[in-house]
């Protein structure tokens, strides 16, 4: 159902490299291990080559609760650089952040019901591209996208939109820094409704020290939303919470195939050493979860500043306890077709109220 602009199909960032995401040579791998490495090579969920380590923001995580400026400006007092994660307590919510909205409750500001949109664009990463949701692995599967797919009960399908009015501008491997370019595409498509789901790849890196800082995440979000605000003055935007990547570990770390695929380089900040119960490994997993919590607090605050036109899902996607059947059995990382349907249902219930 999704209609993509020319050149929309994307290959994984590390296809053809001589080493897998964990730095091991692929030569001599057995069939299962080779498949695991191949899956990772195109998944786009490992850190991008060519980007050096970036300092993680400590001050931004501590000062998020300060008054934020208008859309397009970072919160006052936020700092771009700071210590490596681990200096603060490993609580579920980062120290100093404002409390997120109660899990499972949508943002209350846009009331509606609003007139149904006649067109929509979906911005995001491999989740929105439906990566690995089809029977053929290693490929985007936008027809099963929670947002735009025609083979699932997607948001676009529920809205009754024709394929010519639906655009999937998401890209496998995208991070929040890519929102601005995707927003420009949506502006060019003159759509009336936009969904945004970005952040899993900002937390899922080869090393936790290269996770996107909270300051940068907010700055990039504001820049992308400002493009939509300026270019599509009447648009309605739904911002979806970042999934709990720690849930992947909880659900699948006991699966041998999952551990094999993950060992080739999938979301190492969270999924490295999946069988370890050492305190430092447990603390690392918690720090990644804390970073996702901080991202979601940013989404809530910044979206809340765009009264009446931006709707945050209230954290429902992050709070949902996905099961094994909701995950792709190819990589144990991306949603399966069933998982895509779950996301469509969650986000529709938490989204805008449209007129019948």
C-alpha atoms as a PDB file:
ATOM      1  CA  UNK A   1       0.000   0.000   0.000  1.00  0.00           C
ATOM      2  CA  UNK A   2       2.869   2.334   0.702  1.00  0.00           C
ATOM      3  CA  UNK A   3       4.059   4.529  -2.121  1.00  0.00           C
ATOM      4  CA  UNK A   4       7.707   5.495  -1.890  1.00  0.00           C
ATOM      5  CA  UNK A   5       9.584   8.248  -3.712  1.00  0.00           C
ATOM      6  CA  UNK A   6      12.316   7.203  -6.143  1.00  0.00           C
ATOM      7  CA  UNK A   7      15.318   5.699  -4.391  1.00  0.00           C
ATOM      8  CA  UNK A   8      13.376   4.906  -1.226  1.00  0.00           C
ATOM      9  CA  UNK A   9      14.581   1.329  -0.916  1.00  0.00           C
ATOM     10  CA  UNK A  10      17.596   1.181   1.357  1.00  0.00           C
ATOM     11  CA  UNK A  11      20.381  -1.338   1.853  1.00  0.00           C
ATOM     12  CA  UNK A  12      22.005  -1.939   5.201  1.00  0.00           C
ATOM     13  CA  UNK A  13      24.884   0.309   6.128  1.00  0.00           C
ATOM     14  CA  UNK A  14      27.486  -2.434   6.476  1.00  0.00           C
ATOM     15  CA  UNK A  15      26.747  -4.685   3.507  1.00  0.00           C
ATOM     16  CA  UNK A  16      29.941  -5.981   1.964  1.00  0.00           C
ATOM     17  CA  UNK A  17      32.247  -5.159   4.833  1.00  0.00           C
ATOM     18  CA  UNK A  18      34.815  -7.801   5.587  1.00  0.00           C
ATOM     19  CA  UNK A  19      33.944  -8.020   9.264  1.00  0.00           C
ATOM     20  CA  UNK A  20      30.731  -8.325  11.221  1.00  0.00           C
ATOM     21  CA  UNK A  21      29.491  -5.829  13.786  1.00  0.00           C
ATOM     22  CA  UNK A  22      31.493  -7.502  16.556  1.00  0.00           C
ATOM     23  CA  UNK A  23      34.774  -7.204  14.657  1.00  0.00           C
ATOM     24  CA  UNK A  24      35.107 -10.887  13.755  1.00  0.00           C
ATOM     25  CA  UNK A  25      35.883 -12.124  10.278  1.00  0.00           C
ATOM     26  CA  UNK A  26      32.960 -13.811   8.512  1.00  0.00           C
ATOM     27  CA  UNK A  27      35.258 -16.231   6.676  1.00  0.00           C
ATOM     28  CA  UNK A  28      34.791 -19.824   7.739  1.00  0.00           C
ATOM     29  CA  UNK A  29      31.459 -19.325   9.516  1.00  0.00           C
ATOM     30  CA  UNK A  30      28.993 -22.184   9.567  1.00  0.00           C
ATOM     31  CA  UNK A  31      25.584 -21.889   7.935  1.00  0.00           C
ATOM     32  CA  UNK A  32      23.740 -20.567  10.998  1.00  0.00           C
ATOM     33  CA  UNK A  33      26.511 -18.174  11.936  1.00  0.00           C
ATOM     34  CA  UNK A  34      26.799 -16.955   8.361  1.00  0.00           C
ATOM     35  CA  UNK A  35      23.065 -16.311   8.276  1.00  0.00           C
ATOM     36  CA  UNK A  36      23.339 -14.422  11.541  1.00  0.00           C
ATOM     37  CA  UNK A  37      26.112 -12.235  10.160  1.00  0.00           C
ATOM     38  CA  UNK A  38      24.186 -11.647   6.947  1.00  0.00           C
ATOM     39  CA  UNK A  39      21.101 -10.634   8.898  1.00  0.00           C
ATOM     40  CA  UNK A  40      23.100  -8.124  10.885  1.00  0.00           C
ATOM     41  CA  UNK A  41      24.802  -6.830   7.747  1.00  0.00           C
ATOM     42  CA  UNK A  42      21.540  -5.530   6.359  1.00  0.00           C
ATOM     43  CA  UNK A  43      19.534  -4.910   9.501  1.00  0.00           C
ATOM     44  CA  UNK A  44      20.780  -1.373   9.940  1.00  0.00           C
ATOM     45  CA  UNK A  45      20.444  -1.757  13.694  1.00  0.00           C
ATOM     46  CA  UNK A  46      24.156  -1.725  14.505  1.00  0.00           C
ATOM     47  CA  UNK A  47      26.202   1.430  14.752  1.00  0.00           C
ATOM     48  CA  UNK A  48      27.158   3.141  11.525  1.00  0.00           C
ATOM     49  CA  UNK A  49      30.720   2.796  10.346  1.00  0.00           C
ATOM     50  CA  UNK A  50      32.508   6.068   9.844  1.00  0.00           C
ATOM     51  CA  UNK A  51      31.003   7.815  12.839  1.00  0.00           C
ATOM     52  CA  UNK A  52      33.396   8.324  15.705  1.00  0.00           C
ATOM     53  CA  UNK A  53      32.453   8.097  19.372  1.00  0.00           C
ATOM     54  CA  UNK A  54      30.457  11.019  20.676  1.00  0.00           C
ATOM     55  CA  UNK A  55      30.471  12.151  24.302  1.00  0.00           C
ATOM     56  CA  UNK A  56      27.263  11.280  26.097  1.00  0.00           C
ATOM     57  CA  UNK A  57      25.325  14.113  27.651  1.00  0.00           C
ATOM     58  CA  UNK A  58      25.127  14.025  31.415  1.00  0.00           C
ATOM     59  CA  UNK A  59      23.860  17.546  31.915  1.00  0.00           C
ATOM     60  CA  UNK A  60      21.082  17.118  29.381  1.00  0.00           C
ATOM     61  CA  UNK A  61      19.744  14.088  31.214  1.00  0.00           C
ATOM     62  CA  UNK A  62      19.903  15.981  34.497  1.00  0.00           C
ATOM     63  CA  UNK A  63      18.303  19.187  33.269  1.00  0.00           C
ATOM     64  CA  UNK A  64      15.489  17.978  31.012  1.00  0.00           C
ATOM     65  CA  UNK A  65      12.879  19.118  33.515  1.00  0.00           C
ATOM     66  CA  UNK A  66      13.850  22.764  33.017  1.00  0.00           C
ATOM     67  CA  UNK A  67      11.555  24.923  30.939  1.00  0.00           C
ATOM     68  CA  UNK A  68      11.901  24.171  27.238  1.00  0.00           C
ATOM     69  CA  UNK A  69      11.959  26.798  24.526  1.00  0.00           C
ATOM     70  CA  UNK A  70       9.652  26.821  21.494  1.00  0.00           C
ATOM     71  CA  UNK A  71       9.789  23.987  18.993  1.00  0.00           C
ATOM     72  CA  UNK A  72      13.138  24.249  17.231  1.00  0.00           C
ATOM     73  CA  UNK A  73      15.183  25.205  20.312  1.00  0.00           C
ATOM     74  CA  UNK A  74      16.736  22.821  22.862  1.00  0.00           C
ATOM     75  CA  UNK A  75      15.801  23.073  26.522  1.00  0.00           C
ATOM     76  CA  UNK A  76      17.537  25.885  28.355  1.00  0.00           C
ATOM     77  CA  UNK A  77      20.635  24.785  30.213  1.00  0.00           C
ATOM     78  CA  UNK A  78      21.108  21.511  28.355  1.00  0.00           C
ATOM     79  CA  UNK A  79      24.732  20.617  27.703  1.00  0.00           C
ATOM     80  CA  UNK A  80      26.075  18.646  24.768  1.00  0.00           C
ATOM     81  CA  UNK A  81      28.954  16.844  26.423  1.00  0.00           C
ATOM     82  CA  UNK A  82      29.497  15.029  29.661  1.00  0.00           C
ATOM     83  CA  UNK A  83      30.698  11.892  31.349  1.00  0.00           C
ATOM     84  CA  UNK A  84      30.370   8.380  30.007  1.00  0.00           C
ATOM     85  CA  UNK A  85      27.186   6.633  31.253  1.00  0.00           C
ATOM     86  CA  UNK A  86      27.563   4.956  34.589  1.00  0.00           C
ATOM     87  CA  UNK A  87      28.183   7.983  36.788  1.00  0.00           C
ATOM     88  CA  UNK A  88      24.512   8.207  37.789  1.00  0.00           C
ATOM     89  CA  UNK A  89      22.377   5.614  39.590  1.00  0.00           C
ATOM     90  CA  UNK A  90      20.863   2.865  37.467  1.00  0.00           C
ATOM     91  CA  UNK A  91      17.247   3.743  38.140  1.00  0.00           C
ATOM     92  CA  UNK A  92      14.407   3.159  35.687  1.00  0.00           C
ATOM     93  CA  UNK A  93      14.154   6.897  35.056  1.00  0.00           C
ATOM     94  CA  UNK A  94      17.379   8.958  34.786  1.00  0.00           C
ATOM     95  CA  UNK A  95      18.176  11.147  37.750  1.00  0.00           C
ATOM     96  CA  UNK A  96      16.886  14.670  37.409  1.00  0.00           C
ATOM     97  CA  UNK A  97      14.416  14.071  34.597  1.00  0.00           C
ATOM     98  CA  UNK A  98      10.829  15.143  34.863  1.00  0.00           C
ATOM     99  CA  UNK A  99       8.464  12.272  35.456  1.00  0.00           C
ATOM    100  CA  UNK A 100       7.135  10.724  32.235  1.00  0.00           C
ATOM    101  CA  UNK A 101       3.432  10.388  31.628  1.00  0.00           C
ATOM    102  CA  UNK A 102       1.899   7.275  33.220  1.00  0.00           C
ATOM    103  CA  UNK A 103       2.607   4.211  31.087  1.00  0.00           C
ATOM    104  CA  UNK A 104      -0.156   3.326  28.693  1.00  0.00           C
ATOM    105  CA  UNK A 105      -1.913   6.698  28.827  1.00  0.00           C
ATOM    106  CA  UNK A 106      -1.980   8.868  25.694  1.00  0.00           C
ATOM    107  CA  UNK A 107      -1.211  12.565  25.648  1.00  0.00           C
ATOM    108  CA  UNK A 108      -4.333  14.571  26.502  1.00  0.00           C
ATOM    109  CA  UNK A 109      -3.787  17.899  24.727  1.00  0.00           C
ATOM    110  CA  UNK A 110      -5.170  17.239  21.219  1.00  0.00           C
ATOM    111  CA  UNK A 111      -8.828  16.468  21.931  1.00  0.00           C
ATOM    112  CA  UNK A 112     -10.674  16.250  18.616  1.00  0.00           C
ATOM    113  CA  UNK A 113     -12.281  14.552  16.949  1.00  0.00           C
ATOM    114  CA  UNK A 114     -10.482  16.002  13.950  1.00  0.00           C
ATOM    115  CA  UNK A 115     -11.411  15.608  10.277  1.00  0.00           C
ATOM    116  CA  UNK A 116      -9.862  12.454   8.865  1.00  0.00           C
ATOM    117  CA  UNK A 117      -6.681  13.172   6.916  1.00  0.00           C
ATOM    118  CA  UNK A 118      -6.640  12.552   3.183  1.00  0.00           C
ATOM    119  CA  UNK A 119      -2.928  11.673   3.104  1.00  0.00           C
ATOM    120  CA  UNK A 120      -0.166  10.559   5.454  1.00  0.00           C
ATOM    121  CA  UNK A 121       3.578  10.003   5.683  1.00  0.00           C
ATOM    122  CA  UNK A 122       5.404   7.686   8.071  1.00  0.00           C
ATOM    123  CA  UNK A 123       8.837   8.772   9.310  1.00  0.00           C
ATOM    124  CA  UNK A 124      11.146   6.431  11.174  1.00  0.00           C
ATOM    125  CA  UNK A 125      13.532   3.506  10.965  1.00  0.00           C
ATOM    126  CA  UNK A 126      13.459  -0.220  10.182  1.00  0.00           C
ATOM    127  CA  UNK A 127      10.445  -0.788  12.421  1.00  0.00           C
ATOM    128  CA  UNK A 128       8.332   1.466  10.221  1.00  0.00           C
ATOM    129  CA  UNK A 129       9.884  -0.063   7.102  1.00  0.00           C
ATOM    130  CA  UNK A 130       8.667  -3.479   8.280  1.00  0.00           C
ATOM    131  CA  UNK A 131      12.172  -4.916   8.095  1.00  0.00           C
ATOM    132  CA  UNK A 132      12.204  -8.732   8.445  1.00  0.00           C
ATOM    133  CA  UNK A 133       8.412  -8.895   8.861  1.00  0.00           C
ATOM    134  CA  UNK A 134       7.949 -10.870   5.626  1.00  0.00           C
ATOM    135  CA  UNK A 135       8.777 -14.514   4.945  1.00  0.00           C
ATOM    136  CA  UNK A 136      11.825 -13.472   2.922  1.00  0.00           C
ATOM    137  CA  UNK A 137      14.568 -12.295   5.322  1.00  0.00           C
ATOM    138  CA  UNK A 138      17.060  -9.471   4.899  1.00  0.00           C
ATOM    139  CA  UNK A 139      14.573  -7.070   3.324  1.00  0.00           C
ATOM    140  CA  UNK A 140      12.371  -4.120   4.108  1.00  0.00           C
ATOM    141  CA  UNK A 141       8.711  -5.149   4.033  1.00  0.00           C
ATOM    142  CA  UNK A 142       6.700  -1.898   3.958  1.00  0.00           C
ATOM    143  CA  UNK A 143       3.547  -3.808   3.060  1.00  0.00           C
ATOM    144  CA  UNK A 144       3.587  -5.032   6.676  1.00  0.00           C
ATOM    145  CA  UNK A 145       4.412  -1.666   8.232  1.00  0.00           C
ATOM    146  CA  UNK A 146       2.306  -0.724  11.265  1.00  0.00           C
ATOM    147  CA  UNK A 147       1.911   2.748   9.788  1.00  0.00           C
ATOM    148  CA  UNK A 148       1.393   2.307   6.048  1.00  0.00           C
ATOM    149  CA  UNK A 149       1.178  -1.405   5.233  1.00  0.00           C
ATOM    150  CA  UNK A 150      -1.587  -2.947   3.198  1.00  0.00           C
ATOM    151  CA  UNK A 151      -0.991  -6.506   4.470  1.00  0.00           C
ATOM    152  CA  UNK A 152      -1.601  -5.594   8.121  1.00  0.00           C
ATOM    153  CA  UNK A 153      -4.280  -3.552   9.838  1.00  0.00           C
ATOM    154  CA  UNK A 154      -2.100  -0.451   9.642  1.00  0.00           C
ATOM    155  CA  UNK A 155      -3.009   3.098  10.549  1.00  0.00           C
ATOM    156  CA  UNK A 156      -3.298   3.974   6.853  1.00  0.00           C
ATOM    157  CA  UNK A 157      -5.621   1.033   6.261  1.00  0.00           C
ATOM    158  CA  UNK A 158      -7.803   1.983   9.212  1.00  0.00           C
ATOM    159  CA  UNK A 159      -8.036   5.519   7.854  1.00  0.00           C
ATOM    160  CA  UNK A 160      -9.152   4.153   4.491  1.00  0.00           C
ATOM    161  CA  UNK A 161      -6.433   5.988   2.596  1.00  0.00           C
ATOM    162  CA  UNK A 162      -5.640   5.049  -1.013  1.00  0.00           C
ATOM    163  CA  UNK A 163      -2.102   3.883  -1.729  1.00  0.00           C
ATOM    164  CA  UNK A 164      -1.473   6.993  -3.820  1.00  0.00           C
ATOM    165  CA  UNK A 165      -1.911   9.126  -0.692  1.00  0.00           C
ATOM    166  CA  UNK A 166       0.337   7.081   1.616  1.00  0.00           C
ATOM    167  CA  UNK A 167       4.116   7.559   1.847  1.00  0.00           C
ATOM    168  CA  UNK A 168       6.609   5.512   3.833  1.00  0.00           C
ATOM    169  CA  UNK A 169       9.605   7.828   4.170  1.00  0.00           C
ATOM    170  CA  UNK A 170      11.254   5.785   6.938  1.00  0.00           C
ATOM    171  CA  UNK A 171      14.709   4.315   6.367  1.00  0.00           C
ATOM    172  CA  UNK A 172      16.260   1.196   7.827  1.00  0.00           C
ATOM    173  CA  UNK A 173      19.073   2.233  10.170  1.00  0.00           C
ATOM    174  CA  UNK A 174      17.744   5.771  10.679  1.00  0.00           C
ATOM    175  CA  UNK A 175      18.292   7.710  13.881  1.00  0.00           C
ATOM    176  CA  UNK A 176      16.801  10.954  15.123  1.00  0.00           C
ATOM    177  CA  UNK A 177      19.437  12.876  13.179  1.00  0.00           C
ATOM    178  CA  UNK A 178      17.666  11.673  10.001  1.00  0.00           C
ATOM    179  CA  UNK A 179      14.296  13.123  10.978  1.00  0.00           C
ATOM    180  CA  UNK A 180      14.928  16.454   9.268  1.00  0.00           C
ATOM    181  CA  UNK A 181      15.476  14.892   5.837  1.00  0.00           C
ATOM    182  CA  UNK A 182      12.450  12.647   6.231  1.00  0.00           C
ATOM    183  CA  UNK A 183      10.373  15.635   7.336  1.00  0.00           C
ATOM    184  CA  UNK A 184      11.401  17.514   4.192  1.00  0.00           C
ATOM    185  CA  UNK A 185      10.169  14.575   2.129  1.00  0.00           C
ATOM    186  CA  UNK A 186       6.814  14.705   3.906  1.00  0.00           C
ATOM    187  CA  UNK A 187       6.561  18.438   3.284  1.00  0.00           C
ATOM    188  CA  UNK A 188       7.166  17.826  -0.414  1.00  0.00           C
ATOM    189  CA  UNK A 189       4.382  15.244  -0.395  1.00  0.00           C
ATOM    190  CA  UNK A 190       1.955  17.803   1.123  1.00  0.00           C
ATOM    191  CA  UNK A 191       0.509  15.282   3.560  1.00  0.00           C
ATOM    192  CA  UNK A 192      -2.050  16.048   6.254  1.00  0.00           C
ATOM    193  CA  UNK A 193      -0.917  13.475   8.826  1.00  0.00           C
ATOM    194  CA  UNK A 194       2.562  12.289   9.885  1.00  0.00           C
ATOM    195  CA  UNK A 195       3.743   9.539  12.231  1.00  0.00           C
ATOM    196  CA  UNK A 196       7.205   9.608  13.818  1.00  0.00           C
ATOM    197  CA  UNK A 197       8.917   6.596  15.436  1.00  0.00           C
ATOM    198  CA  UNK A 198      12.661   7.113  15.923  1.00  0.00           C
ATOM    199  CA  UNK A 199      15.091   6.325  18.713  1.00  0.00           C
ATOM    200  CA  UNK A 200      15.775   2.603  18.905  1.00  0.00           C
ATOM    201  CA  UNK A 201      18.918   2.995  16.788  1.00  0.00           C
ATOM    202  CA  UNK A 202      20.011   5.963  18.922  1.00  0.00           C
ATOM    203  CA  UNK A 203      20.183   3.637  21.926  1.00  0.00           C
ATOM    204  CA  UNK A 204      21.222   0.469  20.065  1.00  0.00           C
ATOM    205  CA  UNK A 205      24.895   1.046  19.312  1.00  0.00           C
ATOM    206  CA  UNK A 206      28.021  -1.078  19.270  1.00  0.00           C
ATOM    207  CA  UNK A 207      29.011   0.585  22.529  1.00  0.00           C
ATOM    208  CA  UNK A 208      26.905   2.441  25.063  1.00  0.00           C
ATOM    209  CA  UNK A 209      29.279   5.408  25.020  1.00  0.00           C
ATOM    210  CA  UNK A 210      28.167   6.169  21.444  1.00  0.00           C
ATOM    211  CA  UNK A 211      24.450   6.276  22.189  1.00  0.00           C
ATOM    212  CA  UNK A 212      22.958   9.569  21.017  1.00  0.00           C
ATOM    213  CA  UNK A 213      23.098  12.090  23.836  1.00  0.00           C
ATOM    214  CA  UNK A 214      19.807  13.326  25.243  1.00  0.00           C
ATOM    215  CA  UNK A 215      20.781  16.868  24.227  1.00  0.00           C
ATOM    216  CA  UNK A 216      21.399  15.867  20.607  1.00  0.00           C
ATOM    217  CA  UNK A 217      18.263  13.741  20.494  1.00  0.00           C
ATOM    218  CA  UNK A 218      16.155  16.706  21.602  1.00  0.00           C
ATOM    219  CA  UNK A 219      17.886  19.125  19.260  1.00  0.00           C
ATOM    220  CA  UNK A 220      17.367  16.807  16.290  1.00  0.00           C
ATOM    221  CA  UNK A 221      13.727  16.171  17.203  1.00  0.00           C
ATOM    222  CA  UNK A 222      13.029  19.897  17.437  1.00  0.00           C
ATOM    223  CA  UNK A 223      14.685  20.553  14.094  1.00  0.00           C
ATOM    224  CA  UNK A 224      12.593  17.878  12.371  1.00  0.00           C
ATOM    225  CA  UNK A 225       9.313  18.973  13.927  1.00  0.00           C
ATOM    226  CA  UNK A 226      10.049  22.584  13.045  1.00  0.00           C
ATOM    227  CA  UNK A 227      10.365  21.602   9.382  1.00  0.00           C
ATOM    228  CA  UNK A 228       6.926  19.983   9.560  1.00  0.00           C
ATOM    229  CA  UNK A 229       5.495  22.947  11.431  1.00  0.00           C
ATOM    230  CA  UNK A 230       6.813  25.461   8.919  1.00  0.00           C
ATOM    231  CA  UNK A 231       6.139  23.436   5.785  1.00  0.00           C
ATOM    232  CA  UNK A 232       2.767  21.898   6.712  1.00  0.00           C
ATOM    233  CA  UNK A 233       1.005  24.429   8.965  1.00  0.00           C
ATOM    234  CA  UNK A 234      -2.166  22.357   9.414  1.00  0.00           C
ATOM    235  CA  UNK A 235      -0.527  18.950   9.765  1.00  0.00           C
ATOM    236  CA  UNK A 236      -1.258  16.545  12.618  1.00  0.00           C
ATOM    237  CA  UNK A 237       1.782  14.665  13.918  1.00  0.00           C
ATOM    238  CA  UNK A 238       1.771  11.547  16.059  1.00  0.00           C
ATOM    239  CA  UNK A 239       5.012  10.929  17.962  1.00  0.00           C
ATOM    240  CA  UNK A 240       5.402   7.316  19.095  1.00  0.00           C
ATOM    241  CA  UNK A 241       7.462   6.335  22.139  1.00  0.00           C
ATOM    242  CA  UNK A 242      10.722   4.444  21.662  1.00  0.00           C
ATOM    243  CA  UNK A 243      10.231   0.721  22.365  1.00  0.00           C
ATOM    244  CA  UNK A 244      11.832  -0.826  25.431  1.00  0.00           C
ATOM    245  CA  UNK A 245      14.849  -2.521  23.850  1.00  0.00           C
ATOM    246  CA  UNK A 246      15.486  -4.240  27.170  1.00  0.00           C
ATOM    247  CA  UNK A 247      12.320  -6.231  26.561  1.00  0.00           C
ATOM    248  CA  UNK A 248      14.107  -7.948  23.665  1.00  0.00           C
ATOM    249  CA  UNK A 249      16.660  -9.317  26.101  1.00  0.00           C
ATOM    250  CA  UNK A 250      13.981 -10.357  28.593  1.00  0.00           C
ATOM    251  CA  UNK A 251      11.975 -12.260  25.991  1.00  0.00           C
ATOM    252  CA  UNK A 252      14.622 -13.880  23.808  1.00  0.00           C
ATOM    253  CA  UNK A 253      17.947 -14.212  25.640  1.00  0.00           C
ATOM    254  CA  UNK A 254      17.115 -17.858  26.323  1.00  0.00           C
ATOM    255  CA  UNK A 255      16.805 -18.631  22.598  1.00  0.00           C
ATOM    256  CA  UNK A 256      19.975 -20.071  21.050  1.00  0.00           C
ATOM    257  CA  UNK A 257      19.287 -18.580  17.615  1.00  0.00           C
ATOM    258  CA  UNK A 258      18.641 -15.175  19.138  1.00  0.00           C
ATOM    259  CA  UNK A 259      21.965 -15.271  20.972  1.00  0.00           C
ATOM    260  CA  UNK A 260      23.749 -16.349  17.789  1.00  0.00           C
ATOM    261  CA  UNK A 261      22.301 -13.512  15.728  1.00  0.00           C
ATOM    262  CA  UNK A 262      22.860 -10.955  18.467  1.00  0.00           C
ATOM    263  CA  UNK A 263      26.497 -12.039  18.823  1.00  0.00           C
ATOM    264  CA  UNK A 264      27.121 -10.895  15.259  1.00  0.00           C
ATOM    265  CA  UNK A 265      26.530  -7.301  16.336  1.00  0.00           C
ATOM    266  CA  UNK A 266      22.845  -6.565  17.001  1.00  0.00           C
ATOM    267  CA  UNK A 267      22.268  -3.748  19.515  1.00  0.00           C
ATOM    268  CA  UNK A 268      25.403  -4.595  21.468  1.00  0.00           C
ATOM    269  CA  UNK A 269      24.811  -1.766  23.934  1.00  0.00           C
ATOM    270  CA  UNK A 270      21.885  -3.812  25.256  1.00  0.00           C
ATOM    271  CA  UNK A 271      22.289  -7.352  23.925  1.00  0.00           C
ATOM    272  CA  UNK A 272      26.010  -8.094  24.304  1.00  0.00           C
ATOM    273  CA  UNK A 273      26.734 -10.914  26.777  1.00  0.00           C
ATOM    274  CA  UNK A 274      23.066 -11.939  26.886  1.00  0.00           C
ATOM    275  CA  UNK A 275      23.592 -14.810  29.333  1.00  0.00           C
ATOM    276  CA  UNK A 276      25.709 -12.838  31.768  1.00  0.00           C
ATOM    277  CA  UNK A 277      24.406 -11.947  35.211  1.00  0.00           C
ATOM    278  CA  UNK A 278      27.467  -9.945  36.230  1.00  0.00           C
ATOM    279  CA  UNK A 279      26.681  -6.667  38.020  1.00  0.00           C
ATOM    280  CA  UNK A 280      28.463  -4.524  35.423  1.00  0.00           C
ATOM    281  CA  UNK A 281      26.503  -6.140  32.573  1.00  0.00           C
ATOM    282  CA  UNK A 282      23.209  -5.713  34.413  1.00  0.00           C
ATOM    283  CA  UNK A 283      24.117  -2.082  35.085  1.00  0.00           C
ATOM    284  CA  UNK A 284      24.926  -1.527  31.389  1.00  0.00           C
ATOM    285  CA  UNK A 285      21.553  -2.894  30.330  1.00  0.00           C
ATOM    286  CA  UNK A 286      19.855  -0.582  32.820  1.00  0.00           C
ATOM    287  CA  UNK A 287      21.763   2.451  31.543  1.00  0.00           C
ATOM    288  CA  UNK A 288      20.523   1.749  28.014  1.00  0.00           C
ATOM    289  CA  UNK A 289      16.980   1.489  29.332  1.00  0.00           C
ATOM    290  CA  UNK A 290      17.484   4.746  31.205  1.00  0.00           C
ATOM    291  CA  UNK A 291      18.581   6.416  27.996  1.00  0.00           C
ATOM    292  CA  UNK A 292      15.406   5.241  26.232  1.00  0.00           C
ATOM    293  CA  UNK A 293      13.369   6.576  29.162  1.00  0.00           C
ATOM    294  CA  UNK A 294      15.111   9.924  28.730  1.00  0.00           C
ATOM    295  CA  UNK A 295      14.376   9.929  24.986  1.00  0.00           C
ATOM    296  CA  UNK A 296      10.707   9.310  25.678  1.00  0.00           C
ATOM    297  CA  UNK A 297      10.599  12.156  28.162  1.00  0.00           C
ATOM    298  CA  UNK A 298      11.979  14.405  25.420  1.00  0.00           C
ATOM    299  CA  UNK A 299       9.303  13.201  23.002  1.00  0.00           C
ATOM    300  CA  UNK A 300       6.571  13.907  25.542  1.00  0.00           C
ATOM    301  CA  UNK A 301       7.777  17.400  26.410  1.00  0.00           C
ATOM    302  CA  UNK A 302       8.604  18.628  22.931  1.00  0.00           C
ATOM    303  CA  UNK A 303       5.456  17.241  21.337  1.00  0.00           C
ATOM    304  CA  UNK A 304       3.438  18.784  24.165  1.00  0.00           C
ATOM    305  CA  UNK A 305       4.630  22.239  23.153  1.00  0.00           C
ATOM    306  CA  UNK A 306       2.823  21.938  19.797  1.00  0.00           C
ATOM    307  CA  UNK A 307      -0.655  22.195  21.266  1.00  0.00           C
ATOM    308  CA  UNK A 308      -3.474  20.644  19.291  1.00  0.00           C
ATOM    309  CA  UNK A 309      -1.349  19.310  16.436  1.00  0.00           C
ATOM    310  CA  UNK A 310       1.203  16.973  18.013  1.00  0.00           C
ATOM    311  CA  UNK A 311       0.088  13.839  19.833  1.00  0.00           C
ATOM    312  CA  UNK A 312       2.456  11.718  21.947  1.00  0.00           C
ATOM    313  CA  UNK A 313       1.363   8.127  22.512  1.00  0.00           C
ATOM    314  CA  UNK A 314       1.761   8.486  26.264  1.00  0.00           C
ATOM    315  CA  UNK A 315       4.426   5.785  26.366  1.00  0.00           C
ATOM    316  CA  UNK A 316       2.126   2.924  25.341  1.00  0.00           C
ATOM    317  CA  UNK A 317       4.568   1.387  22.860  1.00  0.00           C
ATOM    318  CA  UNK A 318       7.404   1.511  25.371  1.00  0.00           C
ATOM    319  CA  UNK A 319       5.231   0.012  28.103  1.00  0.00           C
ATOM    320  CA  UNK A 320       3.859  -2.862  26.021  1.00  0.00           C
ATOM    321  CA  UNK A 321       5.264  -6.288  26.909  1.00  0.00           C
ATOM    322  CA  UNK A 322       5.970  -7.810  23.496  1.00  0.00           C
ATOM    323  CA  UNK A 323       6.167 -11.616  23.389  1.00  0.00           C
ATOM    324  CA  UNK A 324       8.194 -14.042  21.282  1.00  0.00           C
ATOM    325  CA  UNK A 325       5.557 -14.233  18.561  1.00  0.00           C
ATOM    326  CA  UNK A 326       5.751 -10.463  18.172  1.00  0.00           C
ATOM    327  CA  UNK A 327       9.423 -10.696  17.139  1.00  0.00           C
ATOM    328  CA  UNK A 328      10.929 -11.715  13.813  1.00  0.00           C
ATOM    329  CA  UNK A 329      12.365 -15.221  14.024  1.00  0.00           C
ATOM    330  CA  UNK A 330      15.094 -14.138  11.600  1.00  0.00           C
ATOM    331  CA  UNK A 331      16.829 -11.635  13.844  1.00  0.00           C
ATOM    332  CA  UNK A 332      14.864 -11.634  17.139  1.00  0.00           C
ATOM    333  CA  UNK A 333      15.060  -7.864  17.048  1.00  0.00           C
ATOM    334  CA  UNK A 334      12.487  -6.457  14.637  1.00  0.00           C
ATOM    335  CA  UNK A 335       8.705  -6.903  14.949  1.00  0.00           C
ATOM    336  CA  UNK A 336       7.102  -9.806  13.134  1.00  0.00           C
ATOM    337  CA  UNK A 337       3.930  -9.300  11.116  1.00  0.00           C
ATOM    338  CA  UNK A 338       2.006  -9.970  14.320  1.00  0.00           C
ATOM    339  CA  UNK A 339       4.172  -7.439  16.149  1.00  0.00           C
ATOM    340  CA  UNK A 340       3.482  -4.855  13.448  1.00  0.00           C
ATOM    341  CA  UNK A 341      -0.259  -5.373  13.969  1.00  0.00           C
ATOM    342  CA  UNK A 342       0.207  -4.884  17.702  1.00  0.00           C
ATOM    343  CA  UNK A 343       2.008  -1.570  17.099  1.00  0.00           C
ATOM    344  CA  UNK A 344      -0.740  -0.444  14.726  1.00  0.00           C
ATOM    345  CA  UNK A 345      -3.380  -1.189  17.328  1.00  0.00           C
ATOM    346  CA  UNK A 346      -1.514   0.448  20.204  1.00  0.00           C
ATOM    347  CA  UNK A 347      -0.739   3.619  18.289  1.00  0.00           C
ATOM    348  CA  UNK A 348      -4.236   3.914  16.835  1.00  0.00           C
ATOM    349  CA  UNK A 349      -5.826   3.668  20.277  1.00  0.00           C
ATOM    350  CA  UNK A 350      -3.380   6.221  21.690  1.00  0.00           C
ATOM    351  CA  UNK A 351      -3.531   8.509  18.675  1.00  0.00           C
ATOM    352  CA  UNK A 352      -5.763  11.257  17.364  1.00  0.00           C
ATOM    353  CA  UNK A 353      -9.517  10.951  17.500  1.00  0.00           C
ATOM    354  CA  UNK A 354     -10.776  11.225  13.929  1.00  0.00           C
ATOM    355  CA  UNK A 355     -14.279  12.033  12.794  1.00  0.00           C
ATOM    356  CA  UNK A 356     -16.216   9.111  11.363  1.00  0.00           C
END
